[in-house]
Amino acid sequence: MNSPTQTRPCRLRRRVCRTRGRFYNQTLQASGGSGTFHWMILSGNLPPGMRLDTSTGQIHGKAAVKGTWNFVIGIQDVTNMSAVASRNFTIDVKLYLGF
């Protein structure tokens, strides 16, 4: 079975703190598997205003709502094997208090 063996964030920790309304852009990386990957949210949600690009693993956008958002990112390789590698993440969205 050639399923992805590991999701590895590129400068993205498991817990990230972002400010509401500020643009966020990070790309996840994976190792193992065959060919290109399909990225997906297996459970939970990204903050409103942010999205996951399923072909590149890029998480980007401007969080529109304050709160804590827990989600699990999964990947599947080009062979579409049933095994999916996954990892838990949290994004904390804070209010911007600057002037």
PDB file of N, CA and C in Angstrom:
ATOM      1  N   MET A   1       0.840  -1.166   0.000  1.00  0.00           N
ATOM      2  CA  MET A   1       0.000   0.000   0.000  1.00  0.00           C
ATOM      3  C   MET A   1       0.890   1.236   0.000  1.00  0.00           C
ATOM      4  N   ASN A   2       0.712   2.116  -0.931  1.00  0.00           N
ATOM      5  CA  ASN A   2       1.507   3.330  -1.026  1.00  0.00           C
ATOM      6  C   ASN A   2       0.728   4.539  -0.538  1.00  0.00           C
ATOM      7  N   SER A   3       0.298   4.523   0.690  1.00  0.00           N
ATOM      8  CA  SER A   3      -0.415   5.684   1.216  1.00  0.00           C
ATOM      9  C   SER A   3       0.578   6.657   1.829  1.00  0.00           C
ATOM     10  N   PRO A   4       0.216   7.934   1.940  1.00  0.00           N
ATOM     11  CA  PRO A   4       1.119   8.896   2.555  1.00  0.00           C
ATOM     12  C   PRO A   4       1.478   8.448   3.960  1.00  0.00           C
ATOM     13  N   THR A   5       2.736   8.571   4.315  1.00  0.00           N
ATOM     14  CA  THR A   5       3.167   8.091   5.618  1.00  0.00           C
ATOM     15  C   THR A   5       3.157   9.163   6.686  1.00  0.00           C
ATOM     16  N   GLN A   6       3.182  10.417   6.310  1.00  0.00           N
ATOM     17  CA  GLN A   6       3.294  11.453   7.322  1.00  0.00           C
ATOM     18  C   GLN A   6       2.836  12.789   6.763  1.00  0.00           C
ATOM     19  N   THR A   7       2.032  13.528   7.520  1.00  0.00           N
ATOM     20  CA  THR A   7       1.788  14.921   7.172  1.00  0.00           C
ATOM     21  C   THR A   7       2.772  15.749   7.962  1.00  0.00           C
ATOM     22  N   ARG A   8       3.416  16.668   7.299  1.00  0.00           N
ATOM     23  CA  ARG A   8       4.450  17.466   7.953  1.00  0.00           C
ATOM     24  C   ARG A   8       4.200  18.928   7.616  1.00  0.00           C
ATOM     25  N   PRO A   9       3.858  19.739   8.610  1.00  0.00           N
ATOM     26  CA  PRO A   9       3.576  21.135   8.304  1.00  0.00           C
ATOM     27  C   PRO A   9       4.846  21.912   7.995  1.00  0.00           C
ATOM     28  N   CYS A  10       4.755  22.813   7.089  1.00  0.00           N
ATOM     29  CA  CYS A  10       5.859  23.709   6.776  1.00  0.00           C
ATOM     30  C   CYS A  10       5.618  25.002   7.544  1.00  0.00           C
ATOM     31  N   ARG A  11       6.321  25.188   8.625  1.00  0.00           N
ATOM     32  CA  ARG A  11       6.173  26.351   9.494  1.00  0.00           C
ATOM     33  C   ARG A  11       4.760  26.481  10.046  1.00  0.00           C
ATOM     34  N   LEU A  12       4.034  25.415  10.127  1.00  0.00           N
ATOM     35  CA  LEU A  12       2.700  25.437  10.721  1.00  0.00           C
ATOM     36  C   LEU A  12       2.698  24.479  11.890  1.00  0.00           C
ATOM     37  N   ARG A  13       2.601  25.043  13.085  1.00  0.00           N
ATOM     38  CA  ARG A  13       2.557  24.212  14.282  1.00  0.00           C
ATOM     39  C   ARG A  13       1.160  23.612  14.416  1.00  0.00           C
ATOM     40  N   ARG A  14       1.033  22.681  15.337  1.00  0.00           N
ATOM     41  CA  ARG A  14      -0.278  22.090  15.579  1.00  0.00           C
ATOM     42  C   ARG A  14      -1.254  23.116  16.126  1.00  0.00           C
ATOM     43  N   ARG A  15      -0.746  24.135  16.833  1.00  0.00           N
ATOM     44  CA  ARG A  15      -1.608  25.188  17.352  1.00  0.00           C
ATOM     45  C   ARG A  15      -1.074  26.526  16.841  1.00  0.00           C
ATOM     46  N   VAL A  16      -1.910  27.282  16.148  1.00  0.00           N
ATOM     47  CA  VAL A  16      -1.521  28.548  15.549  1.00  0.00           C
ATOM     48  C   VAL A  16      -2.448  29.634  16.065  1.00  0.00           C
ATOM     49  N   CYS A  17      -1.892  30.802  16.380  1.00  0.00           N
ATOM     50  CA  CYS A  17      -2.691  31.945  16.809  1.00  0.00           C
ATOM     51  C   CYS A  17      -2.702  32.973  15.679  1.00  0.00           C
ATOM     52  N   ARG A  18      -3.877  33.367  15.232  1.00  0.00           N
ATOM     53  CA  ARG A  18      -4.026  34.349  14.156  1.00  0.00           C
ATOM     54  C   ARG A  18      -4.890  35.494  14.655  1.00  0.00           C
ATOM     55  N   THR A  19      -4.779  36.642  14.012  1.00  0.00           N
ATOM     56  CA  THR A  19      -5.604  37.796  14.335  1.00  0.00           C
ATOM     57  C   THR A  19      -6.721  37.900  13.313  1.00  0.00           C
ATOM     58  N   ARG A  20      -7.944  38.117  13.805  1.00  0.00           N
ATOM     59  CA  ARG A  20      -9.103  38.224  12.920  1.00  0.00           C
ATOM     60  C   ARG A  20      -8.866  39.324  11.886  1.00  0.00           C
ATOM     61  N   GLY A  21      -9.190  39.042  10.637  1.00  0.00           N
ATOM     62  CA  GLY A  21      -9.074  40.015   9.566  1.00  0.00           C
ATOM     63  C   GLY A  21      -7.695  40.136   8.944  1.00  0.00           C
ATOM     64  N   ARG A  22      -6.712  39.459   9.470  1.00  0.00           N
ATOM     65  CA  ARG A  22      -5.365  39.481   8.893  1.00  0.00           C
ATOM     66  C   ARG A  22      -5.189  38.253   8.004  1.00  0.00           C
ATOM     67  N   PHE A  23      -4.560  38.449   6.851  1.00  0.00           N
ATOM     68  CA  PHE A  23      -4.398  37.354   5.902  1.00  0.00           C
ATOM     69  C   PHE A  23      -3.420  36.312   6.442  1.00  0.00           C
ATOM     70  N   TYR A  24      -3.770  35.049   6.241  1.00  0.00           N
ATOM     71  CA  TYR A  24      -2.955  33.914   6.672  1.00  0.00           C
ATOM     72  C   TYR A  24      -2.708  33.027   5.464  1.00  0.00           C
ATOM     73  N   ASN A  25      -1.471  32.520   5.323  1.00  0.00           N
ATOM     74  CA  ASN A  25      -1.134  31.691   4.180  1.00  0.00           C
ATOM     75  C   ASN A  25       0.006  30.747   4.551  1.00  0.00           C
ATOM     76  N   GLN A  26      -0.288  29.468   4.656  1.00  0.00           N
ATOM     77  CA  GLN A  26       0.729  28.450   4.916  1.00  0.00           C
ATOM     78  C   GLN A  26       0.400  27.214   4.088  1.00  0.00           C
ATOM     79  N   THR A  27       1.441  26.499   3.681  1.00  0.00           N
ATOM     80  CA  THR A  27       1.247  25.291   2.892  1.00  0.00           C
ATOM     81  C   THR A  27       1.761  24.085   3.664  1.00  0.00           C
ATOM     82  N   LEU A  28       0.915  23.064   3.778  1.00  0.00           N
ATOM     83  CA  LEU A  28       1.295  21.814   4.418  1.00  0.00           C
ATOM     84  C   LEU A  28       2.111  20.983   3.437  1.00  0.00           C
ATOM     85  N   GLN A  29       2.934  20.100   3.963  1.00  0.00           N
ATOM     86  CA  GLN A  29       3.720  19.206   3.124  1.00  0.00           C
ATOM     87  C   GLN A  29       3.537  17.781   3.619  1.00  0.00           C
ATOM     88  N   ALA A  30       3.767  16.821   2.741  1.00  0.00           N
ATOM     89  CA  ALA A  30       3.656  15.410   3.111  1.00  0.00           C
ATOM     90  C   ALA A  30       4.831  14.642   2.530  1.00  0.00           C
ATOM     91  N   SER A  31       5.151  13.524   3.157  1.00  0.00           N
ATOM     92  CA  SER A  31       6.202  12.652   2.637  1.00  0.00           C
ATOM     93  C   SER A  31       5.653  11.241   2.530  1.00  0.00           C
ATOM     94  N   GLY A  32       6.237  10.447   1.650  1.00  0.00           N
ATOM     95  CA  GLY A  32       5.760   9.093   1.417  1.00  0.00           C
ATOM     96  C   GLY A  32       4.668   9.099   0.364  1.00  0.00           C
ATOM     97  N   GLY A  33       4.065   7.962   0.140  1.00  0.00           N
ATOM     98  CA  GLY A  33       2.988   7.880  -0.835  1.00  0.00           C
ATOM     99  C   GLY A  33       3.498   7.924  -2.263  1.00  0.00           C
ATOM    100  N   SER A  34       2.563   8.010  -3.207  1.00  0.00           N
ATOM    101  CA  SER A  34       2.892   8.022  -4.631  1.00  0.00           C
ATOM    102  C   SER A  34       2.223   9.197  -5.319  1.00  0.00           C
ATOM    103  N   GLY A  35       2.976   9.882  -6.168  1.00  0.00           N
ATOM    104  CA  GLY A  35       2.412  10.954  -6.979  1.00  0.00           C
ATOM    105  C   GLY A  35       1.952  12.154  -6.171  1.00  0.00           C
ATOM    106  N   THR A  36       0.906  12.780  -6.676  1.00  0.00           N
ATOM    107  CA  THR A  36       0.374  13.972  -6.015  1.00  0.00           C
ATOM    108  C   THR A  36      -0.592  13.584  -4.904  1.00  0.00           C
ATOM    109  N   PHE A  37      -0.849  14.535  -4.020  1.00  0.00           N
ATOM    110  CA  PHE A  37      -1.736  14.286  -2.881  1.00  0.00           C
ATOM    111  C   PHE A  37      -3.051  15.036  -3.020  1.00  0.00           C
ATOM    112  N   HIS A  38      -4.083  14.492  -2.407  1.00  0.00           N
ATOM    113  CA  HIS A  38      -5.367  15.171  -2.252  1.00  0.00           C
ATOM    114  C   HIS A  38      -5.512  15.473  -0.765  1.00  0.00           C
ATOM    115  N   TRP A  39      -5.657  16.750  -0.412  1.00  0.00           N
ATOM    116  CA  TRP A  39      -5.774  17.194   0.976  1.00  0.00           C
ATOM    117  C   TRP A  39      -7.244  17.363   1.319  1.00  0.00           C
ATOM    118  N   MET A  40      -7.622  17.052   2.557  1.00  0.00           N
ATOM    119  CA  MET A  40      -9.031  17.164   2.952  1.00  0.00           C
ATOM    120  C   MET A  40      -9.137  17.448   4.447  1.00  0.00           C
ATOM    121  N   ILE A  41     -10.249  18.030   4.831  1.00  0.00           N
ATOM    122  CA  ILE A  41     -10.554  18.199   6.248  1.00  0.00           C
ATOM    123  C   ILE A  41     -11.415  17.011   6.639  1.00  0.00           C
ATOM    124  N   LEU A  42     -10.896  16.179   7.529  1.00  0.00           N
ATOM    125  CA  LEU A  42     -11.602  14.961   7.933  1.00  0.00           C
ATOM    126  C   LEU A  42     -12.640  15.231   9.004  1.00  0.00           C
ATOM    127  N   SER A  43     -12.351  16.169   9.888  1.00  0.00           N
ATOM    128  CA  SER A  43     -13.321  16.541  10.922  1.00  0.00           C
ATOM    129  C   SER A  43     -13.019  17.952  11.385  1.00  0.00           C
ATOM    130  N   GLY A  44     -14.016  18.588  11.961  1.00  0.00           N
ATOM    131  CA  GLY A  44     -13.866  19.966  12.414  1.00  0.00           C
ATOM    132  C   GLY A  44     -13.969  20.944  11.256  1.00  0.00           C
ATOM    133  N   ASN A  45     -13.609  22.191  11.518  1.00  0.00           N
ATOM    134  CA  ASN A  45     -13.721  23.247  10.516  1.00  0.00           C
ATOM    135  C   ASN A  45     -12.585  24.239  10.649  1.00  0.00           C
ATOM    136  N   LEU A  46     -12.218  24.841   9.517  1.00  0.00           N
ATOM    137  CA  LEU A  46     -11.348  26.006   9.541  1.00  0.00           C
ATOM    138  C   LEU A  46     -12.193  27.201   9.975  1.00  0.00           C
ATOM    139  N   PRO A  47     -11.566  28.261  10.467  1.00  0.00           N
ATOM    140  CA  PRO A  47     -12.340  29.461  10.799  1.00  0.00           C
ATOM    141  C   PRO A  47     -13.047  30.001   9.554  1.00  0.00           C
ATOM    142  N   PRO A  48     -14.255  30.563   9.706  1.00  0.00           N
ATOM    143  CA  PRO A  48     -14.919  31.191   8.564  1.00  0.00           C
ATOM    144  C   PRO A  48     -13.992  32.226   7.919  1.00  0.00           C
ATOM    145  N   GLY A  49     -13.929  32.206   6.591  1.00  0.00           N
ATOM    146  CA  GLY A  49     -13.055  33.108   5.857  1.00  0.00           C
ATOM    147  C   GLY A  49     -11.738  32.469   5.450  1.00  0.00           C
ATOM    148  N   MET A  50     -11.467  31.271   5.950  1.00  0.00           N
ATOM    149  CA  MET A  50     -10.245  30.559   5.585  1.00  0.00           C
ATOM    150  C   MET A  50     -10.618  29.283   4.844  1.00  0.00           C
ATOM    151  N   ARG A  51      -9.714  28.820   3.974  1.00  0.00           N
ATOM    152  CA  ARG A  51     -10.012  27.599   3.224  1.00  0.00           C
ATOM    153  C   ARG A  51      -8.754  26.772   3.020  1.00  0.00           C
ATOM    154  N   LEU A  52      -8.977  25.507   2.732  1.00  0.00           N
ATOM    155  CA  LEU A  52      -7.907  24.571   2.401  1.00  0.00           C
ATOM    156  C   LEU A  52      -7.964  24.300   0.907  1.00  0.00           C
ATOM    157  N   ASP A  53      -6.868  24.523   0.202  1.00  0.00           N
ATOM    158  CA  ASP A  53      -6.771  24.165  -1.206  1.00  0.00           C
ATOM    159  C   ASP A  53      -6.466  22.672  -1.258  1.00  0.00           C
ATOM    160  N   THR A  54      -7.401  21.877  -1.750  1.00  0.00           N
ATOM    161  CA  THR A  54      -7.285  20.420  -1.690  1.00  0.00           C
ATOM    162  C   THR A  54      -6.211  19.854  -2.619  1.00  0.00           C
ATOM    163  N   SER A  55      -5.750  20.625  -3.587  1.00  0.00           N
ATOM    164  CA  SER A  55      -4.706  20.117  -4.481  1.00  0.00           C
ATOM    165  C   SER A  55      -3.297  20.516  -4.045  1.00  0.00           C
ATOM    166  N   THR A  56      -3.159  21.598  -3.255  1.00  0.00           N
ATOM    167  CA  THR A  56      -1.826  22.060  -2.855  1.00  0.00           C
ATOM    168  C   THR A  56      -1.545  21.921  -1.362  1.00  0.00           C
ATOM    169  N   GLY A  57      -2.581  21.767  -0.539  1.00  0.00           N
ATOM    170  CA  GLY A  57      -2.390  21.727   0.908  1.00  0.00           C
ATOM    171  C   GLY A  57      -2.223  23.102   1.521  1.00  0.00           C
ATOM    172  N   GLN A  58      -2.540  24.136   0.775  1.00  0.00           N
ATOM    173  CA  GLN A  58      -2.400  25.505   1.266  1.00  0.00           C
ATOM    174  C   GLN A  58      -3.628  25.897   2.088  1.00  0.00           C
ATOM    175  N   ILE A  59      -3.375  26.406   3.308  1.00  0.00           N
ATOM    176  CA  ILE A  59      -4.426  26.979   4.146  1.00  0.00           C
ATOM    177  C   ILE A  59      -4.263  28.485   4.048  1.00  0.00           C
ATOM    178  N   HIS A  60      -5.331  29.183   3.632  1.00  0.00           N
ATOM    179  CA  HIS A  60      -5.199  30.625   3.444  1.00  0.00           C
ATOM    180  C   HIS A  60      -6.532  31.335   3.638  1.00  0.00           C
ATOM    181  N   GLY A  61      -6.446  32.639   3.796  1.00  0.00           N
ATOM    182  CA  GLY A  61      -7.624  33.472   3.941  1.00  0.00           C
ATOM    183  C   GLY A  61      -7.525  34.382   5.148  1.00  0.00           C
ATOM    184  N   LYS A  62      -8.631  35.105   5.403  1.00  0.00           N
ATOM    185  CA  LYS A  62      -8.726  35.996   6.555  1.00  0.00           C
ATOM    186  C   LYS A  62      -9.808  35.459   7.479  1.00  0.00           C
ATOM    187  N   ALA A  63      -9.419  35.088   8.674  1.00  0.00           N
ATOM    188  CA  ALA A  63     -10.401  34.585   9.639  1.00  0.00           C
ATOM    189  C   ALA A  63     -11.377  35.706   9.979  1.00  0.00           C
ATOM    190  N   ALA A  64     -12.666  35.426   9.863  1.00  0.00           N
ATOM    191  CA  ALA A  64     -13.687  36.449  10.059  1.00  0.00           C
ATOM    192  C   ALA A  64     -14.314  36.419  11.446  1.00  0.00           C
ATOM    193  N   VAL A  65     -14.073  35.361  12.198  1.00  0.00           N
ATOM    194  CA  VAL A  65     -14.749  35.179  13.481  1.00  0.00           C
ATOM    195  C   VAL A  65     -13.729  34.817  14.550  1.00  0.00           C
ATOM    196  N   LYS A  66     -13.837  35.473  15.700  1.00  0.00           N
ATOM    197  CA  LYS A  66     -12.975  35.154  16.842  1.00  0.00           C
ATOM    198  C   LYS A  66     -13.375  33.798  17.409  1.00  0.00           C
ATOM    199  N   GLY A  67     -12.410  33.001  17.858  1.00  0.00           N
ATOM    200  CA  GLY A  67     -12.712  31.710  18.464  1.00  0.00           C
ATOM    201  C   GLY A  67     -11.570  30.729  18.292  1.00  0.00           C
ATOM    202  N   THR A  68     -11.795  29.515  18.726  1.00  0.00           N
ATOM    203  CA  THR A  68     -10.822  28.436  18.594  1.00  0.00           C
ATOM    204  C   THR A  68     -11.405  27.391  17.659  1.00  0.00           C
ATOM    205  N   TRP A  69     -10.645  27.021  16.655  1.00  0.00           N
ATOM    206  CA  TRP A  69     -11.113  26.109  15.611  1.00  0.00           C
ATOM    207  C   TRP A  69     -10.207  24.888  15.562  1.00  0.00           C
ATOM    208  N   ASN A  70     -10.767  23.736  15.866  1.00  0.00           N
ATOM    209  CA  ASN A  70     -10.033  22.466  15.847  1.00  0.00           C
ATOM    210  C   ASN A  70     -10.434  21.690  14.600  1.00  0.00           C
ATOM    211  N   PHE A  71      -9.452  21.101  13.943  1.00  0.00           N
ATOM    212  CA  PHE A  71      -9.750  20.339  12.732  1.00  0.00           C
ATOM    213  C   PHE A  71      -8.671  19.297  12.504  1.00  0.00           C
ATOM    214  N   VAL A  72      -9.010  18.295  11.710  1.00  0.00           N
ATOM    215  CA  VAL A  72      -8.079  17.234  11.340  1.00  0.00           C
ATOM    216  C   VAL A  72      -7.885  17.291   9.830  1.00  0.00           C
ATOM    217  N   ILE A  73      -6.634  17.414   9.408  1.00  0.00           N
ATOM    218  CA  ILE A  73      -6.289  17.426   7.987  1.00  0.00           C
ATOM    219  C   ILE A  73      -5.847  16.023   7.593  1.00  0.00           C
ATOM    220  N   GLY A  74      -6.364  15.531   6.479  1.00  0.00           N
ATOM    221  CA  GLY A  74      -5.961  14.229   5.960  1.00  0.00           C
ATOM    222  C   GLY A  74      -5.423  14.368   4.549  1.00  0.00           C
ATOM    223  N   ILE A  75      -4.634  13.389   4.132  1.00  0.00           N
ATOM    224  CA  ILE A  75      -4.136  13.360   2.757  1.00  0.00           C
ATOM    225  C   ILE A  75      -4.283  11.955   2.192  1.00  0.00           C
ATOM    226  N   GLN A  76      -4.445  11.913   0.882  1.00  0.00           N
ATOM    227  CA  GLN A  76      -4.533  10.642   0.171  1.00  0.00           C
ATOM    228  C   GLN A  76      -3.682  10.782  -1.079  1.00  0.00           C
ATOM    229  N   ASP A  77      -2.954   9.735  -1.427  1.00  0.00           N
ATOM    230  CA  ASP A  77      -2.090   9.846  -2.602  1.00  0.00           C
ATOM    231  C   ASP A  77      -2.846   9.512  -3.886  1.00  0.00           C
ATOM    232  N   VAL A  78      -2.146   9.594  -5.005  1.00  0.00           N
ATOM    233  CA  VAL A  78      -2.742   9.439  -6.324  1.00  0.00           C
ATOM    234  C   VAL A  78      -3.319   8.038  -6.558  1.00  0.00           C
ATOM    235  N   THR A  79      -2.863   7.035  -5.806  1.00  0.00           N
ATOM    236  CA  THR A  79      -3.379   5.681  -5.991  1.00  0.00           C
ATOM    237  C   THR A  79      -4.751   5.499  -5.359  1.00  0.00           C
ATOM    238  N   ASN A  80      -5.228   6.514  -4.612  1.00  0.00           N
ATOM    239  CA  ASN A  80      -6.540   6.488  -3.963  1.00  0.00           C
ATOM    240  C   ASN A  80      -6.727   5.291  -3.041  1.00  0.00           C
ATOM    241  N   MET A  81      -5.666   4.880  -2.400  1.00  0.00           N
ATOM    242  CA  MET A  81      -5.772   3.796  -1.427  1.00  0.00           C
ATOM    243  C   MET A  81      -6.678   4.256  -0.290  1.00  0.00           C
ATOM    244  N   SER A  82      -7.276   3.320   0.400  1.00  0.00           N
ATOM    245  CA  SER A  82      -8.227   3.675   1.450  1.00  0.00           C
ATOM    246  C   SER A  82      -7.556   4.235   2.696  1.00  0.00           C
ATOM    247  N   ALA A  83      -6.260   3.988   2.872  1.00  0.00           N
ATOM    248  CA  ALA A  83      -5.556   4.524   4.034  1.00  0.00           C
ATOM    249  C   ALA A  83      -5.347   6.022   3.857  1.00  0.00           C
ATOM    250  N   VAL A  84      -5.589   6.764   4.911  1.00  0.00           N
ATOM    251  CA  VAL A  84      -5.420   8.211   4.887  1.00  0.00           C
ATOM    252  C   VAL A  84      -4.586   8.614   6.089  1.00  0.00           C
ATOM    253  N   ALA A  85      -3.521   9.365   5.865  1.00  0.00           N
ATOM    254  CA  ALA A  85      -2.729   9.907   6.974  1.00  0.00           C
ATOM    255  C   ALA A  85      -3.407  11.180   7.457  1.00  0.00           C
ATOM    256  N   SER A  86      -3.357  11.449   8.755  1.00  0.00           N
ATOM    257  CA  SER A  86      -4.026  12.635   9.275  1.00  0.00           C
ATOM    258  C   SER A  86      -3.248  13.238  10.433  1.00  0.00           C
ATOM    259  N   ARG A  87      -3.588  14.482  10.755  1.00  0.00           N
ATOM    260  CA  ARG A  87      -2.970  15.189  11.874  1.00  0.00           C
ATOM    261  C   ARG A  87      -3.950  16.228  12.409  1.00  0.00           C
ATOM    262  N   ASN A  88      -3.968  16.409  13.729  1.00  0.00           N
ATOM    263  CA  ASN A  88      -4.837  17.398  14.371  1.00  0.00           C
ATOM    264  C   ASN A  88      -4.181  18.773  14.372  1.00  0.00           C
ATOM    265  N   PHE A  89      -4.999  19.823  14.159  1.00  0.00           N
ATOM    266  CA  PHE A  89      -4.529  21.205  14.207  1.00  0.00           C
ATOM    267  C   PHE A  89      -5.538  22.064  14.954  1.00  0.00           C
ATOM    268  N   THR A  90      -5.064  23.191  15.476  1.00  0.00           N
ATOM    269  CA  THR A  90      -5.927  24.181  16.111  1.00  0.00           C
ATOM    270  C   THR A  90      -5.496  25.561  15.638  1.00  0.00           C
ATOM    271  N   ILE A  91      -6.468  26.401  15.266  1.00  0.00           N
ATOM    272  CA  ILE A  91      -6.196  27.807  14.980  1.00  0.00           C
ATOM    273  C   ILE A  91      -6.994  28.629  15.976  1.00  0.00           C
ATOM    274  N   ASP A  92      -6.296  29.451  16.768  1.00  0.00           N
ATOM    275  CA  ASP A  92      -6.939  30.388  17.687  1.00  0.00           C
ATOM    276  C   ASP A  92      -7.015  31.736  16.984  1.00  0.00           C
ATOM    277  N   VAL A  93      -8.211  32.291  16.878  1.00  0.00           N
ATOM    278  CA  VAL A  93      -8.394  33.589  16.239  1.00  0.00           C
ATOM    279  C   VAL A  93      -8.690  34.609  17.323  1.00  0.00           C
ATOM    280  N   LYS A  94      -7.854  35.635  17.404  1.00  0.00           N
ATOM    281  CA  LYS A  94      -7.983  36.684  18.413  1.00  0.00           C
ATOM    282  C   LYS A  94      -8.469  37.972  17.759  1.00  0.00           C
ATOM    283  N   LEU A  95      -9.009  38.877  18.571  1.00  0.00           N
ATOM    284  CA  LEU A  95      -9.387  40.197  18.082  1.00  0.00           C
ATOM    285  C   LEU A  95      -8.147  41.053  17.930  1.00  0.00           C
ATOM    286  N   TYR A  96      -8.122  41.898  16.903  1.00  0.00           N
ATOM    287  CA  TYR A  96      -7.024  42.840  16.718  1.00  0.00           C
ATOM    288  C   TYR A  96      -7.364  44.101  17.489  1.00  0.00           C
ATOM    289  N   LEU A  97      -6.519  44.477  18.445  1.00  0.00           N
ATOM    290  CA  LEU A  97      -6.790  45.626  19.302  1.00  0.00           C
ATOM    291  C   LEU A  97      -5.926  46.832  18.957  1.00  0.00           C
ATOM    292  N   GLY A  98      -5.158  46.755  17.885  1.00  0.00           N
ATOM    293  CA  GLY A  98      -4.300  47.875  17.490  1.00  0.00           C
ATOM    294  C   GLY A  98      -5.088  48.985  16.821  1.00  0.00           C
ATOM    295  N   PHE A  99      -4.439  50.111  16.675  1.00  0.00           N
ATOM    296  CA  PHE A  99      -5.089  51.262  16.034  1.00  0.00           C
ATOM    297  C   PHE A  99      -4.398  51.609  14.743  1.00  0.00           C
TER     298      PHE A  99
END
